[in-house]
Amino acid sequence: MSWNPIETAPRDGEAILATARGHTPIVVYWCDWLEAHWQPLGQVWREVAPTHWMPLPQPPAPSLGG
């Protein structure tokens, strides 16, 4: 996977991995409520301004025998 410009990111509420140059990547989603902006997942009323994004990876498959 490679980083894509934030302008191409889905704006349907899907969680994505996002970053701005020099910053640690974080999981965000597009929030249309009140003023539209990128919102970190699990944080309320905190707007971020990422410049790049990529899809979240798939979680690992469950192990057999646990």
N, C-alpha and C. Protein backbone atom coordinates (compact mmCIF):
# COMPACT_ATOMS: atom_id res chain seq x y z
N MET A 1 0.84 -1.18 0.00
CA MET A 1 0.00 0.00 0.00
C MET A 1 0.88 1.24 0.00
N SER A 2 0.37 2.27 -0.61
CA SER A 2 1.12 3.52 -0.63
C SER A 2 0.21 4.68 -0.23
N TRP A 3 0.81 5.79 0.15
CA TRP A 3 0.05 6.97 0.58
C TRP A 3 -0.56 7.66 -0.64
N ASN A 4 -1.80 8.11 -0.47
CA ASN A 4 -2.54 8.80 -1.52
C ASN A 4 -2.87 10.22 -1.04
N PRO A 5 -3.06 11.18 -1.95
CA PRO A 5 -3.45 12.52 -1.54
C PRO A 5 -4.81 12.47 -0.82
N ILE A 6 -4.96 13.25 0.23
CA ILE A 6 -6.18 13.24 1.03
C ILE A 6 -7.41 13.60 0.21
N GLU A 7 -7.24 14.33 -0.87
CA GLU A 7 -8.38 14.70 -1.72
C GLU A 7 -9.06 13.49 -2.33
N THR A 8 -8.35 12.34 -2.39
CA THR A 8 -8.93 11.13 -2.99
C THR A 8 -9.53 10.19 -1.95
N ALA A 9 -9.48 10.57 -0.68
CA ALA A 9 -9.97 9.70 0.40
C ALA A 9 -11.49 9.60 0.40
N PRO A 10 -12.04 8.47 0.83
CA PRO A 10 -13.49 8.32 0.92
C PRO A 10 -14.07 9.26 1.98
N ARG A 11 -15.20 9.85 1.66
CA ARG A 11 -15.86 10.77 2.60
C ARG A 11 -17.25 10.23 2.97
N ASP A 12 -17.28 8.93 3.21
CA ASP A 12 -18.55 8.26 3.52
C ASP A 12 -18.59 7.74 4.95
N GLY A 13 -17.65 8.17 5.79
CA GLY A 13 -17.59 7.70 7.17
C GLY A 13 -16.67 6.52 7.38
N GLU A 14 -16.09 5.99 6.31
CA GLU A 14 -15.16 4.87 6.42
C GLU A 14 -13.90 5.32 7.16
N ALA A 15 -13.42 4.52 8.09
CA ALA A 15 -12.18 4.83 8.80
C ALA A 15 -11.00 4.55 7.88
N ILE A 16 -10.02 5.47 7.90
CA ILE A 16 -8.81 5.35 7.09
C ILE A 16 -7.59 5.69 7.94
N LEU A 17 -6.43 5.33 7.46
CA LEU A 17 -5.18 5.72 8.10
C LEU A 17 -4.72 7.00 7.41
N ALA A 18 -4.47 8.06 8.18
CA ALA A 18 -4.12 9.35 7.60
C ALA A 18 -2.91 9.95 8.30
N THR A 19 -2.23 10.84 7.59
CA THR A 19 -1.06 11.51 8.16
C THR A 19 -0.83 12.83 7.44
N ALA A 20 -0.06 13.67 8.08
CA ALA A 20 0.51 14.85 7.44
C ALA A 20 2.02 14.65 7.51
N ARG A 21 2.74 15.23 6.61
CA ARG A 21 4.20 15.02 6.57
C ARG A 21 4.81 15.28 7.94
N GLY A 22 5.63 14.32 8.40
CA GLY A 22 6.32 14.47 9.67
C GLY A 22 5.50 14.12 10.89
N HIS A 23 4.25 13.68 10.71
CA HIS A 23 3.39 13.34 11.84
C HIS A 23 3.12 11.83 11.87
N THR A 24 2.82 11.33 13.06
CA THR A 24 2.47 9.93 13.23
C THR A 24 1.11 9.66 12.59
N PRO A 25 0.97 8.60 11.80
CA PRO A 25 -0.33 8.27 11.22
C PRO A 25 -1.36 7.98 12.30
N ILE A 26 -2.61 8.38 12.03
CA ILE A 26 -3.73 8.13 12.94
C ILE A 26 -4.94 7.68 12.14
N VAL A 27 -5.87 7.02 12.80
CA VAL A 27 -7.10 6.58 12.16
C VAL A 27 -8.11 7.72 12.25
N VAL A 28 -8.67 8.10 11.10
CA VAL A 28 -9.64 9.19 11.03
C VAL A 28 -10.83 8.78 10.17
N TYR A 29 -11.88 9.59 10.21
CA TYR A 29 -13.02 9.43 9.31
C TYR A 29 -13.54 10.82 8.98
N TRP A 30 -14.26 10.94 7.86
CA TRP A 30 -14.85 12.21 7.45
C TRP A 30 -16.13 12.42 8.22
N CYS A 31 -16.24 13.54 8.90
CA CYS A 31 -17.39 13.86 9.72
C CYS A 31 -18.16 15.02 9.10
N ASP A 32 -19.40 14.77 8.71
CA ASP A 32 -20.24 15.81 8.11
C ASP A 32 -21.08 16.56 9.12
N TRP A 33 -21.01 16.16 10.38
CA TRP A 33 -21.87 16.76 11.38
C TRP A 33 -21.39 18.17 11.70
N LEU A 34 -22.27 19.14 11.72
CA LEU A 34 -21.95 20.57 11.90
C LEU A 34 -21.03 21.03 10.78
N GLU A 35 -19.75 21.20 11.07
CA GLU A 35 -18.80 21.60 10.03
C GLU A 35 -18.04 20.36 9.57
N ALA A 36 -18.01 20.12 8.27
CA ALA A 36 -17.35 18.93 7.74
C ALA A 36 -15.84 19.01 7.95
N HIS A 37 -15.25 17.91 8.44
CA HIS A 37 -13.81 17.86 8.70
C HIS A 37 -13.37 16.42 8.96
N TRP A 38 -12.06 16.22 8.99
CA TRP A 38 -11.50 14.92 9.35
C TRP A 38 -11.44 14.83 10.86
N GLN A 39 -11.97 13.74 11.40
CA GLN A 39 -12.10 13.54 12.84
C GLN A 39 -11.33 12.29 13.24
N PRO A 40 -10.45 12.36 14.25
CA PRO A 40 -9.78 11.14 14.72
C PRO A 40 -10.80 10.17 15.31
N LEU A 41 -10.66 8.91 15.01
CA LEU A 41 -11.56 7.89 15.51
C LEU A 41 -11.46 7.83 17.03
N GLY A 42 -12.60 7.88 17.71
CA GLY A 42 -12.64 7.77 19.16
C GLY A 42 -12.40 9.07 19.90
N GLN A 43 -12.26 10.17 19.19
CA GLN A 43 -12.06 11.47 19.84
C GLN A 43 -13.16 12.41 19.39
N VAL A 44 -13.68 13.17 20.32
CA VAL A 44 -14.78 14.08 20.02
C VAL A 44 -14.25 15.51 19.95
N TRP A 45 -14.75 16.25 18.97
CA TRP A 45 -14.44 17.67 18.82
C TRP A 45 -12.97 17.95 18.62
N ARG A 46 -12.29 17.11 17.89
CA ARG A 46 -10.90 17.36 17.55
C ARG A 46 -10.75 17.23 16.05
N GLU A 47 -10.47 18.31 15.41
CA GLU A 47 -10.31 18.31 13.96
C GLU A 47 -8.83 18.16 13.62
N VAL A 48 -8.54 17.40 12.56
CA VAL A 48 -7.16 17.24 12.09
C VAL A 48 -7.11 17.60 10.61
N ALA A 49 -5.92 17.87 10.11
CA ALA A 49 -5.75 18.27 8.71
C ALA A 49 -4.72 17.38 8.03
N PRO A 50 -5.08 16.13 7.75
CA PRO A 50 -4.13 15.23 7.09
C PRO A 50 -3.89 15.64 5.64
N THR A 51 -2.76 15.22 5.13
CA THR A 51 -2.43 15.49 3.73
C THR A 51 -2.42 14.22 2.88
N HIS A 52 -2.32 13.05 3.54
CA HIS A 52 -2.25 11.78 2.83
C HIS A 52 -3.02 10.71 3.59
N TRP A 53 -3.40 9.65 2.86
CA TRP A 53 -4.19 8.58 3.47
C TRP A 53 -3.90 7.26 2.78
N MET A 54 -4.30 6.16 3.44
CA MET A 54 -4.32 4.82 2.84
C MET A 54 -5.38 4.01 3.57
N PRO A 55 -5.90 2.96 2.92
CA PRO A 55 -6.89 2.12 3.58
C PRO A 55 -6.28 1.43 4.81
N LEU A 56 -7.12 1.13 5.77
CA LEU A 56 -6.66 0.36 6.92
C LEU A 56 -6.38 -1.07 6.47
N PRO A 57 -5.35 -1.71 7.02
CA PRO A 57 -5.10 -3.11 6.67
C PRO A 57 -6.18 -4.02 7.26
N GLN A 58 -6.31 -5.18 6.69
CA GLN A 58 -7.24 -6.17 7.22
C GLN A 58 -6.67 -6.72 8.53
N PRO A 59 -7.52 -7.00 9.50
CA PRO A 59 -7.02 -7.60 10.75
C PRO A 59 -6.52 -9.02 10.47
N PRO A 60 -5.66 -9.54 11.35
CA PRO A 60 -5.16 -10.90 11.14
C PRO A 60 -6.29 -11.92 11.27
N ALA A 61 -6.15 -13.01 10.58
CA ALA A 61 -7.13 -14.08 10.65
C ALA A 61 -7.07 -14.72 12.03
N PRO A 62 -8.21 -15.21 12.53
CA PRO A 62 -8.20 -15.88 13.84
C PRO A 62 -7.31 -17.12 13.76
N SER A 63 -6.61 -17.40 14.84
CA SER A 63 -5.76 -18.59 14.86
C SER A 63 -6.58 -19.79 15.27
N LEU A 64 -6.22 -20.94 14.75
CA LEU A 64 -6.92 -22.17 15.09
C LEU A 64 -6.34 -22.69 16.40
N GLY A 65 -7.18 -23.05 17.31
CA GLY A 65 -6.72 -23.60 18.58
C GLY A 65 -6.42 -22.52 19.62
N GLY A 66 -6.58 -21.22 19.23
CA GLY A 66 -6.51 -20.07 20.09
C GLY A 66 -5.41 -19.94 21.00
